[in-house]
Amino acid sequence: MGDNADLFLSTFNRIEKELKRLLGNPSNMGFSEAVRRLSKRRDNVIGGNENDLLQLAQLRNAIVHDQVADDFVIAEPNDWAVARIKEIEESLLRPEKVLPRFGKKVTGFERNLPMIEIMKIINKKRFSQFPVYDSGKFIGLVTLRTIGFYFAQESLNGSVKLEGRIAEDLLRANGKQANFKFVSAETKVSEVEQMFQTEGILEAVLITKNGDSDGNLLGIIRPRDIYVQEGEQ
């Protein structure tokens, strides 16, 4: 058996042990069934690795069960298979957290900020999310989408006027729809990815130390940031 096969099998066995631990160490459950069950859980521990794990399990079976002799196997893992199973092990045993990857300075705004000032900020700094506070208490998230709702509603009454309007008016335009969620700094990236996949109106996930909505903002995640990191707020 070659070095690739040895490394592949030892990594596979560690992954299998961890999957079963996550399921409470069932005594009569195969690897593939464990993968399928965990892929359906809300904590998304499998991430997007389900199909690859199932295929790698077939390779493992070929190595173990189709071995011609002690020192010869029919299926020898190639470099891609070894690299991929090591990558999956890393994501499973040491999953990436939202920090530091999504840490950034996030500017918050008071509820009484004139709306015309928000428009100037959008034009100058290209911000797309505006956490809104009332004397330090978080009250909502203004996004380009909520601004679009506001202008659409106002235009039905004639010309849109910004004078005398404030940030809080944009929240009212969005109604009671919660387009945000707060998570702690220890939250896994895979959990946030699952949130965006299952909650259609979610526009941003905000990060504070303990997931407290009134805590200091440590970062913000938009759906596209999961796949493409950008420097804009």
C-alpha atoms as a PDB file:
ATOM      1  CA  MET A   1       0.000   0.000   0.000  1.00  0.00           C
ATOM      2  CA  GLY A   2       1.419   3.391  -0.998  1.00  0.00           C
ATOM      3  CA  ASP A   3       1.922   6.500   1.089  1.00  0.00           C
ATOM      4  CA  ASN A   4      -1.151   8.154  -0.438  1.00  0.00           C
ATOM      5  CA  ALA A   5      -3.357   5.235   0.585  1.00  0.00           C
ATOM      6  CA  ASP A   6      -2.001   5.235   4.142  1.00  0.00           C
ATOM      7  CA  LEU A   7      -2.522   8.977   4.506  1.00  0.00           C
ATOM      8  CA  PHE A   8      -5.963   8.792   2.912  1.00  0.00           C
ATOM      9  CA  LEU A   9      -7.170   5.990   5.198  1.00  0.00           C
ATOM     10  CA  SER A  10      -5.880   7.552   8.401  1.00  0.00           C
ATOM     11  CA  THR A  11      -7.565  10.852   7.519  1.00  0.00           C
ATOM     12  CA  PHE A  12     -10.776   9.077   6.518  1.00  0.00           C
ATOM     13  CA  ASN A  13     -10.845   7.220   9.838  1.00  0.00           C
ATOM     14  CA  ARG A  14     -10.485  10.475  11.811  1.00  0.00           C
ATOM     15  CA  ILE A  15     -13.322  12.022   9.832  1.00  0.00           C
ATOM     16  CA  GLU A  16     -15.530   8.974  10.393  1.00  0.00           C
ATOM     17  CA  LYS A  17     -14.820   9.073  14.127  1.00  0.00           C
ATOM     18  CA  GLU A  18     -15.760  12.754  14.297  1.00  0.00           C
ATOM     19  CA  LEU A  19     -18.983  12.294  12.293  1.00  0.00           C
ATOM     20  CA  LYS A  20     -20.131   9.530  14.620  1.00  0.00           C
ATOM     21  CA  ARG A  21     -19.190  11.578  17.670  1.00  0.00           C
ATOM     22  CA  LEU A  22     -21.410  14.388  16.399  1.00  0.00           C
ATOM     23  CA  LEU A  23     -24.271  11.882  16.134  1.00  0.00           C
ATOM     24  CA  GLY A  24     -23.764  10.459  19.622  1.00  0.00           C
ATOM     25  CA  ASN A  25     -21.614   7.480  18.553  1.00  0.00           C
ATOM     26  CA  PRO A  26     -24.333   5.221  17.099  1.00  0.00           C
ATOM     27  CA  SER A  27     -23.124   1.627  17.011  1.00  0.00           C
ATOM     28  CA  ASN A  28     -24.677   0.429  13.761  1.00  0.00           C
ATOM     29  CA  MET A  29     -24.490   3.408  11.407  1.00  0.00           C
ATOM     30  CA  GLY A  30     -22.365   3.438   8.294  1.00  0.00           C
ATOM     31  CA  PHE A  31     -20.268   6.342   7.103  1.00  0.00           C
ATOM     32  CA  SER A  32     -22.560   7.360   4.236  1.00  0.00           C
ATOM     33  CA  GLU A  33     -25.632   7.402   6.449  1.00  0.00           C
ATOM     34  CA  ALA A  34     -23.799   9.555   8.986  1.00  0.00           C
ATOM     35  CA  VAL A  35     -22.899  12.026   6.224  1.00  0.00           C
ATOM     36  CA  ARG A  36     -26.505  12.193   4.992  1.00  0.00           C
ATOM     37  CA  ARG A  37     -27.905  12.769   8.463  1.00  0.00           C
ATOM     38  CA  LEU A  38     -25.431  15.493   9.344  1.00  0.00           C
ATOM     39  CA  SER A  39     -25.992  17.223   6.008  1.00  0.00           C
ATOM     40  CA  LYS A  40     -29.606  17.825   7.051  1.00  0.00           C
ATOM     41  CA  ARG A  41     -28.772  19.442  10.378  1.00  0.00           C
ATOM     42  CA  ARG A  42     -29.164  23.177  10.821  1.00  0.00           C
ATOM     43  CA  ASP A  43     -25.641  23.632  12.156  1.00  0.00           C
ATOM     44  CA  ASN A  44     -24.360  22.636   8.695  1.00  0.00           C
ATOM     45  CA  VAL A  45     -21.263  20.837   9.975  1.00  0.00           C
ATOM     46  CA  ILE A  46     -20.878  19.067   6.627  1.00  0.00           C
ATOM     47  CA  GLY A  47     -21.045  22.319   4.678  1.00  0.00           C
ATOM     48  CA  GLY A  48     -20.842  21.711   0.941  1.00  0.00           C
ATOM     49  CA  ASN A  49     -18.799  18.538   1.361  1.00  0.00           C
ATOM     50  CA  GLU A  50     -21.579  15.930   1.254  1.00  0.00           C
ATOM     51  CA  ASN A  51     -21.081  14.730  -2.320  1.00  0.00           C
ATOM     52  CA  ASP A  52     -17.302  14.612  -2.055  1.00  0.00           C
ATOM     53  CA  LEU A  53     -17.484  12.663   1.205  1.00  0.00           C
ATOM     54  CA  LEU A  54     -19.801  10.087  -0.344  1.00  0.00           C
ATOM     55  CA  GLN A  55     -17.465   9.668  -3.319  1.00  0.00           C
ATOM     56  CA  LEU A  56     -14.414   9.451  -1.079  1.00  0.00           C
ATOM     57  CA  ALA A  57     -16.210   6.748   0.907  1.00  0.00           C
ATOM     58  CA  GLN A  58     -16.437   4.663  -2.277  1.00  0.00           C
ATOM     59  CA  LEU A  59     -12.707   5.112  -2.783  1.00  0.00           C
ATOM     60  CA  ARG A  60     -12.073   4.059   0.807  1.00  0.00           C
ATOM     61  CA  ASN A  61     -14.155   0.911   0.305  1.00  0.00           C
ATOM     62  CA  ALA A  62     -12.195   0.067  -2.839  1.00  0.00           C
ATOM     63  CA  ILE A  63      -8.898   0.434  -0.980  1.00  0.00           C
ATOM     64  CA  VAL A  64      -9.972  -1.663   2.004  1.00  0.00           C
ATOM     65  CA  HIS A  65     -12.182  -4.338   0.448  1.00  0.00           C
ATOM     66  CA  ASP A  66     -10.616  -4.778  -2.986  1.00  0.00           C
ATOM     67  CA  GLN A  67      -7.070  -5.197  -1.754  1.00  0.00           C
ATOM     68  CA  VAL A  68      -5.288  -7.924  -3.751  1.00  0.00           C
ATOM     69  CA  ALA A  69      -2.475  -8.430  -1.239  1.00  0.00           C
ATOM     70  CA  ASP A  70      -1.113  -6.817   1.906  1.00  0.00           C
ATOM     71  CA  ASP A  71       1.181  -4.605  -0.119  1.00  0.00           C
ATOM     72  CA  PHE A  72      -1.025  -4.029  -3.173  1.00  0.00           C
ATOM     73  CA  VAL A  73      -4.373  -2.308  -3.628  1.00  0.00           C
ATOM     74  CA  ILE A  74      -6.430  -1.875  -6.768  1.00  0.00           C
ATOM     75  CA  ALA A  75      -7.368   1.729  -5.941  1.00  0.00           C
ATOM     76  CA  GLU A  76      -4.568   4.105  -4.979  1.00  0.00           C
ATOM     77  CA  PRO A  77      -5.752   7.647  -4.106  1.00  0.00           C
ATOM     78  CA  ASN A  78      -4.339  10.340  -6.358  1.00  0.00           C
ATOM     79  CA  ASP A  79      -2.967  13.627  -5.025  1.00  0.00           C
ATOM     80  CA  TRP A  80      -6.317  15.373  -5.477  1.00  0.00           C
ATOM     81  CA  ALA A  81      -8.151  12.826  -3.328  1.00  0.00           C
ATOM     82  CA  VAL A  82      -5.570  13.125  -0.550  1.00  0.00           C
ATOM     83  CA  ALA A  83      -5.598  16.921  -0.649  1.00  0.00           C
ATOM     84  CA  ARG A  84      -9.400  17.036  -0.699  1.00  0.00           C
ATOM     85  CA  ILE A  85      -9.888  14.684   2.242  1.00  0.00           C
ATOM     86  CA  LYS A  86      -7.327  16.656   4.264  1.00  0.00           C
ATOM     87  CA  GLU A  87      -9.197  19.857   3.415  1.00  0.00           C
ATOM     88  CA  ILE A  88     -12.486  18.337   4.575  1.00  0.00           C
ATOM     89  CA  GLU A  89     -10.865  17.135   7.801  1.00  0.00           C
ATOM     90  CA  GLU A  90      -9.595  20.637   8.489  1.00  0.00           C
ATOM     91  CA  SER A  91     -13.025  22.200   7.921  1.00  0.00           C
ATOM     92  CA  LEU A  92     -14.708  19.583  10.106  1.00  0.00           C
ATOM     93  CA  LEU A  93     -12.305  19.451  13.042  1.00  0.00           C
ATOM     94  CA  ARG A  94     -11.164  23.074  12.930  1.00  0.00           C
ATOM     95  CA  PRO A  95     -14.026  24.957  11.247  1.00  0.00           C
ATOM     96  CA  GLU A  96     -13.434  28.549  10.209  1.00  0.00           C
ATOM     97  CA  LYS A  97     -15.069  31.174  12.438  1.00  0.00           C
ATOM     98  CA  VAL A  98     -16.567  34.447  11.194  1.00  0.00           C
ATOM     99  CA  LEU A  99     -13.618  36.315  12.704  1.00  0.00           C
ATOM    100  CA  PRO A 100     -11.086  37.288  11.555  1.00  0.00           C
ATOM    101  CA  ARG A 101     -12.248  36.689   7.973  1.00  0.00           C
ATOM    102  CA  PHE A 102     -15.243  39.025   8.139  1.00  0.00           C
ATOM    103  CA  GLY A 103     -13.932  41.490  10.672  1.00  0.00           C
ATOM    104  CA  LYS A 104     -14.174  45.091   9.555  1.00  0.00           C
ATOM    105  CA  LYS A 105     -15.044  48.527  10.826  1.00  0.00           C
ATOM    106  CA  VAL A 106     -18.790  49.015  10.521  1.00  0.00           C
ATOM    107  CA  THR A 107     -20.273  52.489  10.795  1.00  0.00           C
ATOM    108  CA  GLY A 108     -23.532  52.812  12.718  1.00  0.00           C
ATOM    109  CA  PHE A 109     -25.980  55.719  12.460  1.00  0.00           C
ATOM    110  CA  GLU A 110     -28.346  57.333  14.904  1.00  0.00           C
ATOM    111  CA  ARG A 111     -32.073  57.055  14.212  1.00  0.00           C
ATOM    112  CA  ASN A 112     -32.426  60.827  13.714  1.00  0.00           C
ATOM    113  CA  LEU A 113     -29.715  61.127  11.052  1.00  0.00           C
ATOM    114  CA  PRO A 114     -31.224  63.203   8.194  1.00  0.00           C
ATOM    115  CA  MET A 115     -32.025  61.033   5.216  1.00  0.00           C
ATOM    116  CA  ILE A 116     -30.269  63.428   2.875  1.00  0.00           C
ATOM    117  CA  GLU A 117     -27.042  62.744   4.793  1.00  0.00           C
ATOM    118  CA  ILE A 118     -27.495  59.021   4.197  1.00  0.00           C
ATOM    119  CA  MET A 119     -27.779  59.666   0.468  1.00  0.00           C
ATOM    120  CA  LYS A 120     -24.548  61.678   0.560  1.00  0.00           C
ATOM    121  CA  ILE A 121     -22.761  58.850   2.395  1.00  0.00           C
ATOM    122  CA  ILE A 122     -23.991  56.269  -0.120  1.00  0.00           C
ATOM    123  CA  ASN A 123     -22.731  58.437  -2.972  1.00  0.00           C
ATOM    124  CA  LYS A 124     -19.345  59.132  -1.367  1.00  0.00           C
ATOM    125  CA  LYS A 125     -18.428  55.901   0.433  1.00  0.00           C
ATOM    126  CA  ARG A 126     -20.504  53.324  -1.445  1.00  0.00           C
ATOM    127  CA  PHE A 127     -21.877  51.839   1.779  1.00  0.00           C
ATOM    128  CA  SER A 128     -24.731  49.390   1.301  1.00  0.00           C
ATOM    129  CA  GLN A 129     -25.742  48.620   4.926  1.00  0.00           C
ATOM    130  CA  PHE A 130     -26.544  51.064   7.692  1.00  0.00           C
ATOM    131  CA  PRO A 131     -27.042  49.722  11.231  1.00  0.00           C
ATOM    132  CA  VAL A 132     -29.354  52.192  12.983  1.00  0.00           C
ATOM    133  CA  TYR A 133     -29.227  52.930  16.713  1.00  0.00           C
ATOM    134  CA  ASP A 134     -31.237  54.842  19.270  1.00  0.00           C
ATOM    135  CA  SER A 135     -28.741  56.103  21.869  1.00  0.00           C
ATOM    136  CA  GLY A 136     -26.660  52.935  21.575  1.00  0.00           C
ATOM    137  CA  LYS A 137     -29.568  50.492  21.231  1.00  0.00           C
ATOM    138  CA  PHE A 138     -29.788  48.723  17.879  1.00  0.00           C
ATOM    139  CA  ILE A 139     -33.177  49.261  16.223  1.00  0.00           C
ATOM    140  CA  GLY A 140     -32.726  47.991  12.667  1.00  0.00           C
ATOM    141  CA  LEU A 141     -30.696  47.689   9.486  1.00  0.00           C
ATOM    142  CA  VAL A 142     -31.122  49.978   6.511  1.00  0.00           C
ATOM    143  CA  THR A 143     -29.922  48.526   3.197  1.00  0.00           C
ATOM    144  CA  LEU A 144     -30.123  49.627  -0.400  1.00  0.00           C
ATOM    145  CA  ARG A 145     -33.147  47.340  -0.687  1.00  0.00           C
ATOM    146  CA  THR A 146     -35.018  49.081   2.135  1.00  0.00           C
ATOM    147  CA  ILE A 147     -34.139  52.442   0.606  1.00  0.00           C
ATOM    148  CA  GLY A 148     -35.611  51.198  -2.657  1.00  0.00           C
ATOM    149  CA  PHE A 149     -38.821  50.209  -0.835  1.00  0.00           C
ATOM    150  CA  TYR A 150     -39.022  53.662   0.695  1.00  0.00           C
ATOM    151  CA  PHE A 151     -38.676  55.484  -2.619  1.00  0.00           C
ATOM    152  CA  ALA A 152     -41.183  53.141  -4.279  1.00  0.00           C
ATOM    153  CA  GLN A 153     -43.784  53.822  -1.556  1.00  0.00           C
ATOM    154  CA  GLU A 154     -43.178  57.559  -1.514  1.00  0.00           C
ATOM    155  CA  SER A 155     -43.344  57.872  -5.304  1.00  0.00           C
ATOM    156  CA  LEU A 156     -46.934  56.639  -5.218  1.00  0.00           C
ATOM    157  CA  ASN A 157     -47.820  59.875  -3.427  1.00  0.00           C
ATOM    158  CA  GLY A 158     -46.096  62.107  -5.949  1.00  0.00           C
ATOM    159  CA  SER A 159     -42.571  63.479  -5.817  1.00  0.00           C
ATOM    160  CA  VAL A 160     -40.188  62.053  -3.232  1.00  0.00           C
ATOM    161  CA  LYS A 161     -39.030  64.558  -0.627  1.00  0.00           C
ATOM    162  CA  LEU A 162     -36.070  63.969   1.670  1.00  0.00           C
ATOM    163  CA  GLU A 163     -36.335  67.138   3.725  1.00  0.00           C
ATOM    164  CA  GLY A 164     -37.372  66.414   7.290  1.00  0.00           C
ATOM    165  CA  ARG A 165     -36.987  62.655   6.861  1.00  0.00           C
ATOM    166  CA  ILE A 166     -34.623  60.634   9.033  1.00  0.00           C
ATOM    167  CA  ALA A 167     -32.973  57.224   9.099  1.00  0.00           C
ATOM    168  CA  GLU A 168     -35.769  55.722  11.193  1.00  0.00           C
ATOM    169  CA  ASP A 169     -38.263  56.466   8.404  1.00  0.00           C
ATOM    170  CA  LEU A 170     -36.404  53.988   6.212  1.00  0.00           C
ATOM    171  CA  LEU A 171     -36.912  51.282   8.829  1.00  0.00           C
ATOM    172  CA  ARG A 172     -40.623  51.951   8.898  1.00  0.00           C
ATOM    173  CA  ALA A 173     -40.728  51.499   5.127  1.00  0.00           C
ATOM    174  CA  ASN A 174     -39.357  48.012   5.594  1.00  0.00           C
ATOM    175  CA  GLY A 175     -42.203  47.090   7.950  1.00  0.00           C
ATOM    176  CA  LYS A 176     -41.570  44.321  10.460  1.00  0.00           C
ATOM    177  CA  GLN A 177     -39.401  42.197   8.202  1.00  0.00           C
ATOM    178  CA  ALA A 178     -36.150  41.295   9.961  1.00  0.00           C
ATOM    179  CA  ASN A 179     -33.518  41.475   7.215  1.00  0.00           C
ATOM    180  CA  PHE A 180     -30.629  40.892   9.625  1.00  0.00           C
ATOM    181  CA  LYS A 181     -29.301  38.527  12.250  1.00  0.00           C
ATOM    182  CA  PHE A 182     -26.665  38.850  14.950  1.00  0.00           C
ATOM    183  CA  VAL A 183     -24.051  36.187  15.607  1.00  0.00           C
ATOM    184  CA  SER A 184     -21.168  35.876  18.042  1.00  0.00           C
ATOM    185  CA  ALA A 185     -17.509  36.017  17.071  1.00  0.00           C
ATOM    186  CA  GLU A 186     -17.323  32.238  17.634  1.00  0.00           C
ATOM    187  CA  THR A 187     -19.951  31.405  15.002  1.00  0.00           C
ATOM    188  CA  LYS A 188     -18.799  29.126  12.206  1.00  0.00           C
ATOM    189  CA  VAL A 189     -18.779  30.438   8.641  1.00  0.00           C
ATOM    190  CA  SER A 190     -20.714  27.332   7.571  1.00  0.00           C
ATOM    191  CA  GLU A 191     -23.554  28.304   9.935  1.00  0.00           C
ATOM    192  CA  VAL A 192     -23.812  31.758   8.368  1.00  0.00           C
ATOM    193  CA  GLU A 193     -23.804  30.207   4.908  1.00  0.00           C
ATOM    194  CA  GLN A 194     -26.724  28.018   5.985  1.00  0.00           C
ATOM    195  CA  MET A 195     -28.613  31.105   7.225  1.00  0.00           C
ATOM    196  CA  PHE A 196     -28.354  32.781   3.827  1.00  0.00           C
ATOM    197  CA  GLN A 197     -29.439  29.595   2.054  1.00  0.00           C
ATOM    198  CA  THR A 198     -32.558  29.069   4.163  1.00  0.00           C
ATOM    199  CA  GLU A 199     -33.752  32.588   5.014  1.00  0.00           C
ATOM    200  CA  GLY A 200     -34.799  34.418   1.894  1.00  0.00           C
ATOM    201  CA  ILE A 201     -35.116  37.952   3.300  1.00  0.00           C
ATOM    202  CA  LEU A 202     -31.808  37.886   5.167  1.00  0.00           C
ATOM    203  CA  GLU A 203     -29.567  40.636   3.793  1.00  0.00           C
ATOM    204  CA  ALA A 204     -26.789  40.811   6.356  1.00  0.00           C
ATOM    205  CA  VAL A 205     -25.381  39.051   9.393  1.00  0.00           C
ATOM    206  CA  LEU A 206     -23.841  41.330  12.001  1.00  0.00           C
ATOM    207  CA  ILE A 207     -21.055  40.182  14.299  1.00  0.00           C
ATOM    208  CA  THR A 208     -20.642  41.193  17.932  1.00  0.00           C
ATOM    209  CA  LYS A 209     -18.541  39.500  20.607  1.00  0.00           C
ATOM    210  CA  ASN A 210     -21.434  37.580  22.174  1.00  0.00           C
ATOM    211  CA  GLY A 211     -24.105  37.964  19.487  1.00  0.00           C
ATOM    212  CA  ASP A 212     -25.730  40.796  21.480  1.00  0.00           C
ATOM    213  CA  SER A 213     -27.541  43.244  19.205  1.00  0.00           C
ATOM    214  CA  ASP A 214     -26.423  46.197  21.307  1.00  0.00           C
ATOM    215  CA  GLY A 215     -22.758  45.140  21.481  1.00  0.00           C
ATOM    216  CA  ASN A 216     -19.928  46.732  19.528  1.00  0.00           C
ATOM    217  CA  LEU A 217     -20.065  45.730  15.877  1.00  0.00           C
ATOM    218  CA  LEU A 218     -16.992  43.700  14.898  1.00  0.00           C
ATOM    219  CA  GLY A 219     -17.991  42.932  11.331  1.00  0.00           C
ATOM    220  CA  ILE A 220     -20.789  42.418   8.866  1.00  0.00           C
ATOM    221  CA  ILE A 221     -21.445  39.670   6.293  1.00  0.00           C
ATOM    222  CA  ARG A 222     -23.466  39.950   3.125  1.00  0.00           C
ATOM    223  CA  PRO A 223     -24.452  36.894   1.054  1.00  0.00           C
ATOM    224  CA  ARG A 224     -21.837  37.608  -1.597  1.00  0.00           C
ATOM    225  CA  ASP A 225     -19.112  37.945   1.044  1.00  0.00           C
ATOM    226  CA  ILE A 226     -19.362  34.218   1.767  1.00  0.00           C
ATOM    227  CA  TYR A 227     -17.929  33.535  -1.649  1.00  0.00           C
ATOM    228  CA  VAL A 228     -16.178  36.770  -2.620  1.00  0.00           C
ATOM    229  CA  GLN A 229     -14.504  38.986  -0.058  1.00  0.00           C
ATOM    230  CA  GLU A 230     -14.767  42.686  -0.667  1.00  0.00           C
ATOM    231  CA  GLY A 231     -13.576  45.750   1.178  1.00  0.00           C
ATOM    232  CA  GLU A 232     -16.774  47.735   0.936  1.00  0.00           C
ATOM    233  CA  GLN A 233     -19.231  47.975   3.834  1.00  0.00           C
END
